Amino acid sequence: MGWDWLILLWIGFCTQNARYILTLAYQSGIVSRISSFSYLSVGYALIFGFLLFGETFPIPAYLGMALVFLGILLKLRIK
């Protein structure tokens, strides 16, 4: 039970730091480019879910995630 609390505290610490850094990026960068990177969290969730919890998804879900990623790349390339 002690490890659970430690992991939850670490997740909270990392989340708060990430939010702070994202706020700094919004203040100093081009907002339309920075906001596109928020969609990459889908990929992070997919990777961590698979590695830590053994989660898998059906093929259409992976195709949808690939389309979202492709949309991000096209938006960054084509203004």
PDB file of N, CA and C in Angstrom:
ATOM      1  N   MET A   1       0.821  -1.196   0.000  1.00  0.00           N
ATOM      2  CA  MET A   1       0.000   0.000   0.000  1.00  0.00           C
ATOM      3  C   MET A   1       0.864   1.258   0.000  1.00  0.00           C
ATOM      4  N   GLY A   2       2.027   1.214   0.595  1.00  0.00           N
ATOM      5  CA  GLY A   2       2.904   2.371   0.633  1.00  0.00           C
ATOM      6  C   GLY A   2       3.405   2.789  -0.736  1.00  0.00           C
ATOM      7  N   TRP A   3       3.679   1.794  -1.605  1.00  0.00           N
ATOM      8  CA  TRP A   3       4.142   2.107  -2.958  1.00  0.00           C
ATOM      9  C   TRP A   3       3.081   2.830  -3.768  1.00  0.00           C
ATOM     10  N   ASP A   4       1.833   2.476  -3.555  1.00  0.00           N
ATOM     11  CA  ASP A   4       0.748   3.134  -4.291  1.00  0.00           C
ATOM     12  C   ASP A   4       0.745   4.632  -4.038  1.00  0.00           C
ATOM     13  N   TRP A   5       0.890   5.018  -2.783  1.00  0.00           N
ATOM     14  CA  TRP A   5       0.896   6.444  -2.452  1.00  0.00           C
ATOM     15  C   TRP A   5       2.124   7.146  -3.022  1.00  0.00           C
ATOM     16  N   LEU A   6       3.247   6.475  -2.993  1.00  0.00           N
ATOM     17  CA  LEU A   6       4.460   7.058  -3.541  1.00  0.00           C
ATOM     18  C   LEU A   6       4.330   7.280  -5.050  1.00  0.00           C
ATOM     19  N   ILE A   7       3.768   6.308  -5.729  1.00  0.00           N
ATOM     20  CA  ILE A   7       3.558   6.443  -7.176  1.00  0.00           C
ATOM     21  C   ILE A   7       2.569   7.561  -7.466  1.00  0.00           C
ATOM     22  N   LEU A   8       1.481   7.643  -6.713  1.00  0.00           N
ATOM     23  CA  LEU A   8       0.509   8.715  -6.912  1.00  0.00           C
ATOM     24  C   LEU A   8       1.116  10.093  -6.661  1.00  0.00           C
ATOM     25  N   LEU A   9       1.935  10.210  -5.640  1.00  0.00           N
ATOM     26  CA  LEU A   9       2.613  11.484  -5.390  1.00  0.00           C
ATOM     27  C   LEU A   9       3.561  11.843  -6.525  1.00  0.00           C
ATOM     28  N   TRP A  10       4.271  10.862  -7.045  1.00  0.00           N
ATOM     29  CA  TRP A  10       5.183  11.116  -8.160  1.00  0.00           C
ATOM     30  C   TRP A  10       4.413  11.542  -9.411  1.00  0.00           C
ATOM     31  N   ILE A  11       3.305  10.908  -9.682  1.00  0.00           N
ATOM     32  CA  ILE A  11       2.473  11.287 -10.827  1.00  0.00           C
ATOM     33  C   ILE A  11       1.973  12.720 -10.662  1.00  0.00           C
ATOM     34  N   GLY A  12       1.523  13.072  -9.474  1.00  0.00           N
ATOM     35  CA  GLY A  12       1.070  14.438  -9.217  1.00  0.00           C
ATOM     36  C   GLY A  12       2.184  15.451  -9.386  1.00  0.00           C
ATOM     37  N   PHE A  13       3.373  15.128  -8.907  1.00  0.00           N
ATOM     38  CA  PHE A  13       4.525  16.016  -9.045  1.00  0.00           C
ATOM     39  C   PHE A  13       4.875  16.232 -10.523  1.00  0.00           C
ATOM     40  N   CYS A  14       4.925  15.145 -11.285  1.00  0.00           N
ATOM     41  CA  CYS A  14       5.244  15.247 -12.711  1.00  0.00           C
ATOM     42  C   CYS A  14       4.165  16.008 -13.472  1.00  0.00           C
ATOM     43  N   THR A  15       2.915  15.779 -13.127  1.00  0.00           N
ATOM     44  CA  THR A  15       1.819  16.469 -13.786  1.00  0.00           C
ATOM     45  C   THR A  15       1.876  17.968 -13.534  1.00  0.00           C
ATOM     46  N   GLN A  16       2.134  18.365 -12.310  1.00  0.00           N
ATOM     47  CA  GLN A  16       2.209  19.793 -11.993  1.00  0.00           C
ATOM     48  C   GLN A  16       3.386  20.454 -12.700  1.00  0.00           C
ATOM     49  N   ASN A  17       4.506  19.774 -12.746  1.00  0.00           N
ATOM     50  CA  ASN A  17       5.663  20.333 -13.456  1.00  0.00           C
ATOM     51  C   ASN A  17       5.395  20.455 -14.952  1.00  0.00           C
ATOM     52  N   ALA A  18       4.757  19.449 -15.520  1.00  0.00           N
ATOM     53  CA  ALA A  18       4.437  19.503 -16.946  1.00  0.00           C
ATOM     54  C   ALA A  18       3.465  20.643 -17.247  1.00  0.00           C
ATOM     55  N   ARG A  19       2.481  20.845 -16.397  1.00  0.00           N
ATOM     56  CA  ARG A  19       1.523  21.941 -16.591  1.00  0.00           C
ATOM     57  C   ARG A  19       2.213  23.296 -16.491  1.00  0.00           C
ATOM     58  N   TYR A  20       3.144  23.442 -15.554  1.00  0.00           N
ATOM     59  CA  TYR A  20       3.890  24.689 -15.399  1.00  0.00           C
ATOM     60  C   TYR A  20       4.734  24.972 -16.640  1.00  0.00           C
ATOM     61  N   ILE A  21       5.433  23.950 -17.129  1.00  0.00           N
ATOM     62  CA  ILE A  21       6.267  24.125 -18.316  1.00  0.00           C
ATOM     63  C   ILE A  21       5.414  24.435 -19.537  1.00  0.00           C
ATOM     64  N   LEU A  22       4.257  23.802 -19.651  1.00  0.00           N
ATOM     65  CA  LEU A  22       3.352  24.088 -20.757  1.00  0.00           C
ATOM     66  C   LEU A  22       2.847  25.529 -20.698  1.00  0.00           C
ATOM     67  N   THR A  23       2.566  26.018 -19.502  1.00  0.00           N
ATOM     68  CA  THR A  23       2.141  27.408 -19.350  1.00  0.00           C
ATOM     69  C   THR A  23       3.248  28.365 -19.780  1.00  0.00           C
ATOM     70  N   LEU A  24       4.477  28.070 -19.416  1.00  0.00           N
ATOM     71  CA  LEU A  24       5.604  28.894 -19.861  1.00  0.00           C
ATOM     72  C   LEU A  24       5.741  28.864 -21.384  1.00  0.00           C
ATOM     73  N   ALA A  25       5.529  27.708 -21.982  1.00  0.00           N
ATOM     74  CA  ALA A  25       5.616  27.592 -23.436  1.00  0.00           C
ATOM     75  C   ALA A  25       4.521  28.421 -24.114  1.00  0.00           C
ATOM     76  N   TYR A  26       3.312  28.403 -23.562  1.00  0.00           N
ATOM     77  CA  TYR A  26       2.236  29.214 -24.131  1.00  0.00           C
ATOM     78  C   TYR A  26       2.543  30.701 -24.021  1.00  0.00           C
ATOM     79  N   GLN A  27       3.222  31.106 -22.953  1.00  0.00           N
ATOM     80  CA  GLN A  27       3.546  32.514 -22.774  1.00  0.00           C
ATOM     81  C   GLN A  27       4.615  32.984 -23.745  1.00  0.00           C
ATOM     82  N   SER A  28       5.550  32.118 -24.092  1.00  0.00           N
ATOM     83  CA  SER A  28       6.692  32.579 -24.870  1.00  0.00           C
ATOM     84  C   SER A  28       6.727  32.080 -26.310  1.00  0.00           C
ATOM     85  N   GLY A  29       5.837  31.207 -26.706  1.00  0.00           N
ATOM     86  CA  GLY A  29       5.904  30.625 -28.040  1.00  0.00           C
ATOM     87  C   GLY A  29       4.695  30.955 -28.889  1.00  0.00           C
ATOM     88  N   ILE A  30       4.659  30.331 -30.048  1.00  0.00           N
ATOM     89  CA  ILE A  30       3.532  30.466 -30.973  1.00  0.00           C
ATOM     90  C   ILE A  30       2.448  29.494 -30.516  1.00  0.00           C
ATOM     91  N   VAL A  31       1.328  30.047 -30.105  1.00  0.00           N
ATOM     92  CA  VAL A  31       0.279  29.248 -29.457  1.00  0.00           C
ATOM     93  C   VAL A  31      -0.253  28.145 -30.363  1.00  0.00           C
ATOM     94  N   SER A  32      -0.447  28.428 -31.642  1.00  0.00           N
ATOM     95  CA  SER A  32      -1.013  27.415 -32.537  1.00  0.00           C
ATOM     96  C   SER A  32      -0.089  26.211 -32.692  1.00  0.00           C
ATOM     97  N   ARG A  33       1.208  26.429 -32.646  1.00  0.00           N
ATOM     98  CA  ARG A  33       2.141  25.300 -32.751  1.00  0.00           C
ATOM     99  C   ARG A  33       2.201  24.519 -31.449  1.00  0.00           C
ATOM    100  N   ILE A  34       2.209  25.221 -30.346  1.00  0.00           N
ATOM    101  CA  ILE A  34       2.321  24.553 -29.041  1.00  0.00           C
ATOM    102  C   ILE A  34       1.073  23.745 -28.736  1.00  0.00           C
ATOM    103  N   SER A  35      -0.088  24.277 -29.082  1.00  0.00           N
ATOM    104  CA  SER A  35      -1.332  23.562 -28.783  1.00  0.00           C
ATOM    105  C   SER A  35      -1.420  22.245 -29.556  1.00  0.00           C
ATOM    106  N   SER A  36      -0.769  22.162 -30.705  1.00  0.00           N
ATOM    107  CA  SER A  36      -0.777  20.913 -31.469  1.00  0.00           C
ATOM    108  C   SER A  36      -0.094  19.789 -30.719  1.00  0.00           C
ATOM    109  N   PHE A  37       0.909  20.120 -29.925  1.00  0.00           N
ATOM    110  CA  PHE A  37       1.639  19.087 -29.205  1.00  0.00           C
ATOM    111  C   PHE A  37       0.829  18.466 -28.074  1.00  0.00           C
ATOM    112  N   SER A  38      -0.230  19.113 -27.644  1.00  0.00           N
ATOM    113  CA  SER A  38      -1.040  18.529 -26.570  1.00  0.00           C
ATOM    114  C   SER A  38      -1.714  17.232 -27.019  1.00  0.00           C
ATOM    115  N   TYR A  39      -1.910  17.061 -28.320  1.00  0.00           N
ATOM    116  CA  TYR A  39      -2.516  15.829 -28.824  1.00  0.00           C
ATOM    117  C   TYR A  39      -1.559  14.644 -28.758  1.00  0.00           C
ATOM    118  N   LEU A  40      -0.275  14.902 -28.543  1.00  0.00           N
ATOM    119  CA  LEU A  40       0.683  13.808 -28.425  1.00  0.00           C
ATOM    120  C   LEU A  40       0.488  13.020 -27.137  1.00  0.00           C
ATOM    121  N   SER A  41      -0.287  13.561 -26.215  1.00  0.00           N
ATOM    122  CA  SER A  41      -0.551  12.834 -24.969  1.00  0.00           C
ATOM    123  C   SER A  41      -1.270  11.510 -25.238  1.00  0.00           C
ATOM    124  N   VAL A  42      -1.971  11.417 -26.354  1.00  0.00           N
ATOM    125  CA  VAL A  42      -2.613  10.147 -26.728  1.00  0.00           C
ATOM    126  C   VAL A  42      -1.547   9.073 -26.914  1.00  0.00           C
ATOM    127  N   GLY A  43      -0.455   9.434 -27.571  1.00  0.00           N
ATOM    128  CA  GLY A  43       0.631   8.479 -27.784  1.00  0.00           C
ATOM    129  C   GLY A  43       1.303   8.080 -26.493  1.00  0.00           C
ATOM    130  N   TYR A  44       1.528   9.064 -25.603  1.00  0.00           N
ATOM    131  CA  TYR A  44       2.134   8.753 -24.316  1.00  0.00           C
ATOM    132  C   TYR A  44       1.237   7.822 -23.507  1.00  0.00           C
ATOM    133  N   ALA A  45      -0.047   8.092 -23.509  1.00  0.00           N
ATOM    134  CA  ALA A  45      -0.977   7.238 -22.767  1.00  0.00           C
ATOM    135  C   ALA A  45      -0.986   5.823 -23.340  1.00  0.00           C
ATOM    136  N   LEU A  46      -0.903   5.715 -24.640  1.00  0.00           N
ATOM    137  CA  LEU A  46      -0.878   4.402 -25.290  1.00  0.00           C
ATOM    138  C   LEU A  46       0.368   3.622 -24.876  1.00  0.00           C
ATOM    139  N   ILE A  47       1.521   4.281 -24.927  1.00  0.00           N
ATOM    140  CA  ILE A  47       2.778   3.603 -24.596  1.00  0.00           C
ATOM    141  C   ILE A  47       2.824   3.200 -23.126  1.00  0.00           C
ATOM    142  N   PHE A  48       2.508   4.137 -22.238  1.00  0.00           N
ATOM    143  CA  PHE A  48       2.559   3.823 -20.808  1.00  0.00           C
ATOM    144  C   PHE A  48       1.491   2.806 -20.412  1.00  0.00           C
ATOM    145  N   GLY A  49       0.324   2.891 -21.024  1.00  0.00           N
ATOM    146  CA  GLY A  49      -0.718   1.910 -20.736  1.00  0.00           C
ATOM    147  C   GLY A  49      -0.301   0.507 -21.135  1.00  0.00           C
ATOM    148  N   PHE A  50       0.381   0.404 -22.266  1.00  0.00           N
ATOM    149  CA  PHE A  50       0.841  -0.908 -22.714  1.00  0.00           C
ATOM    150  C   PHE A  50       1.972  -1.428 -21.828  1.00  0.00           C
ATOM    151  N   LEU A  51       2.957  -0.560 -21.545  1.00  0.00           N
ATOM    152  CA  LEU A  51       4.125  -0.998 -20.777  1.00  0.00           C
ATOM    153  C   LEU A  51       3.799  -1.282 -19.309  1.00  0.00           C
ATOM    154  N   LEU A  52       2.977  -0.443 -18.703  1.00  0.00           N
ATOM    155  CA  LEU A  52       2.716  -0.594 -17.275  1.00  0.00           C
ATOM    156  C   LEU A  52       1.540  -1.504 -16.954  1.00  0.00           C
ATOM    157  N   PHE A  53       0.513  -1.491 -17.812  1.00  0.00           N
ATOM    158  CA  PHE A  53      -0.714  -2.214 -17.483  1.00  0.00           C
ATOM    159  C   PHE A  53      -1.083  -3.303 -18.486  1.00  0.00           C
ATOM    160  N   GLY A  54      -0.327  -3.426 -19.568  1.00  0.00           N
ATOM    161  CA  GLY A  54      -0.628  -4.446 -20.562  1.00  0.00           C
ATOM    162  C   GLY A  54      -1.893  -4.167 -21.361  1.00  0.00           C
ATOM    163  N   GLU A  55      -2.279  -2.897 -21.469  1.00  0.00           N
ATOM    164  CA  GLU A  55      -3.491  -2.546 -22.207  1.00  0.00           C
ATOM    165  C   GLU A  55      -3.263  -2.705 -23.706  1.00  0.00           C
ATOM    166  N   THR A  56      -4.262  -3.189 -24.389  1.00  0.00           N
ATOM    167  CA  THR A  56      -4.240  -3.248 -25.851  1.00  0.00           C
ATOM    168  C   THR A  56      -5.569  -2.711 -26.365  1.00  0.00           C
ATOM    169  N   PHE A  57      -5.566  -2.308 -27.617  1.00  0.00           N
ATOM    170  CA  PHE A  57      -6.759  -1.730 -28.234  1.00  0.00           C
ATOM    171  C   PHE A  57      -7.027  -2.438 -29.549  1.00  0.00           C
ATOM    172  N   PRO A  58      -8.253  -2.338 -30.050  1.00  0.00           N
ATOM    173  CA  PRO A  58      -8.543  -2.920 -31.366  1.00  0.00           C
ATOM    174  C   PRO A  58      -7.865  -2.106 -32.476  1.00  0.00           C
ATOM    175  N   ILE A  59      -7.713  -2.709 -33.624  1.00  0.00           N
ATOM    176  CA  ILE A  59      -7.033  -2.081 -34.762  1.00  0.00           C
ATOM    177  C   ILE A  59      -7.635  -0.716 -35.131  1.00  0.00           C
ATOM    178  N   PRO A  60      -8.970  -0.554 -35.167  1.00  0.00           N
ATOM    179  CA  PRO A  60      -9.506   0.769 -35.507  1.00  0.00           C
ATOM    180  C   PRO A  60      -9.056   1.876 -34.543  1.00  0.00           C
ATOM    181  N   ALA A  61      -8.841   1.534 -33.293  1.00  0.00           N
ATOM    182  CA  ALA A  61      -8.361   2.535 -32.338  1.00  0.00           C
ATOM    183  C   ALA A  61      -6.947   2.986 -32.704  1.00  0.00           C
ATOM    184  N   TYR A  62      -6.099   2.045 -33.071  1.00  0.00           N
ATOM    185  CA  TYR A  62      -4.743   2.399 -33.489  1.00  0.00           C
ATOM    186  C   TYR A  62      -4.759   3.233 -34.767  1.00  0.00           C
ATOM    187  N   LEU A  63      -5.644   2.909 -35.681  1.00  0.00           N
ATOM    188  CA  LEU A  63      -5.763   3.697 -36.916  1.00  0.00           C
ATOM    189  C   LEU A  63      -6.223   5.120 -36.607  1.00  0.00           C
ATOM    190  N   GLY A  64      -7.150   5.261 -35.686  1.00  0.00           N
ATOM    191  CA  GLY A  64      -7.602   6.594 -35.288  1.00  0.00           C
ATOM    192  C   GLY A  64      -6.484   7.405 -34.660  1.00  0.00           C
ATOM    193  N   MET A  65      -5.685   6.756 -33.811  1.00  0.00           N
ATOM    194  CA  MET A  65      -4.548   7.451 -33.194  1.00  0.00           C
ATOM    195  C   MET A  65      -3.529   7.867 -34.249  1.00  0.00           C
ATOM    196  N   ALA A  66      -3.319   7.006 -35.243  1.00  0.00           N
ATOM    197  CA  ALA A  66      -2.391   7.338 -36.325  1.00  0.00           C
ATOM    198  C   ALA A  66      -2.902   8.527 -37.125  1.00  0.00           C
ATOM    199  N   LEU A  67      -4.216   8.593 -37.339  1.00  0.00           N
ATOM    200  CA  LEU A  67      -4.786   9.736 -38.063  1.00  0.00           C
ATOM    201  C   LEU A  67      -4.634  11.034 -37.275  1.00  0.00           C
ATOM    202  N   VAL A  68      -4.802  10.964 -35.974  1.00  0.00           N
ATOM    203  CA  VAL A  68      -4.602  12.148 -35.137  1.00  0.00           C
ATOM    204  C   VAL A  68      -3.147  12.608 -35.231  1.00  0.00           C
ATOM    205  N   PHE A  69      -2.221  11.670 -35.143  1.00  0.00           N
ATOM    206  CA  PHE A  69      -0.798  12.000 -35.245  1.00  0.00           C
ATOM    207  C   PHE A  69      -0.468  12.583 -36.611  1.00  0.00           C
ATOM    208  N   LEU A  70      -1.030  12.008 -37.667  1.00  0.00           N
ATOM    209  CA  LEU A  70      -0.822  12.533 -39.017  1.00  0.00           C
ATOM    210  C   LEU A  70      -1.370  13.953 -39.139  1.00  0.00           C
ATOM    211  N   GLY A  71      -2.526  14.195 -38.541  1.00  0.00           N
ATOM    212  CA  GLY A  71      -3.099  15.544 -38.551  1.00  0.00           C
ATOM    213  C   GLY A  71      -2.198  16.548 -37.851  1.00  0.00           C
ATOM    214  N   ILE A  72      -1.574  16.134 -36.753  1.00  0.00           N
ATOM    215  CA  ILE A  72      -0.641  17.016 -36.047  1.00  0.00           C
ATOM    216  C   ILE A  72       0.539  17.358 -36.944  1.00  0.00           C
ATOM    217  N   LEU A  73       1.097  16.342 -37.572  1.00  0.00           N
ATOM    218  CA  LEU A  73       2.246  16.586 -38.441  1.00  0.00           C
ATOM    219  C   LEU A  73       1.885  17.486 -39.616  1.00  0.00           C
ATOM    220  N   LEU A  74       0.723  17.276 -40.206  1.00  0.00           N
ATOM    221  CA  LEU A  74       0.310  18.122 -41.331  1.00  0.00           C
ATOM    222  C   LEU A  74       0.051  19.555 -40.881  1.00  0.00           C
ATOM    223  N   LYS A  75      -0.522  19.722 -39.708  1.00  0.00           N
ATOM    224  CA  LYS A  75      -0.777  21.067 -39.210  1.00  0.00           C
ATOM    225  C   LYS A  75       0.521  21.811 -38.938  1.00  0.00           C
ATOM    226  N   LEU A  76       1.505  21.113 -38.410  1.00  0.00           N
ATOM    227  CA  LEU A  76       2.792  21.759 -38.140  1.00  0.00           C
ATOM    228  C   LEU A  76       3.538  22.091 -39.429  1.00  0.00           C
ATOM    229  N   ARG A  77       3.365  21.242 -40.433  1.00  0.00           N
ATOM    230  CA  ARG A  77       4.062  21.467 -41.710  1.00  0.00           C
ATOM    231  C   ARG A  77       3.370  22.516 -42.563  1.00  0.00           C
ATOM    232  N   ILE A  78       2.060  22.430 -42.639  1.00  0.00           N
ATOM    233  CA  ILE A  78       1.264  23.365 -43.438  1.00  0.00           C
ATOM    234  C   ILE A  78       0.583  24.322 -42.491  1.00  0.00           C
ATOM    235  N   LYS A  79       0.898  25.570 -42.590  1.00  0.00           N
ATOM    236  CA  LYS A  79       0.331  26.522 -41.651  1.00  0.00           C
ATOM    237  C   LYS A  79      -1.085  26.770 -41.953  1.00  0.00           C
TER     238      LYS A  79
END
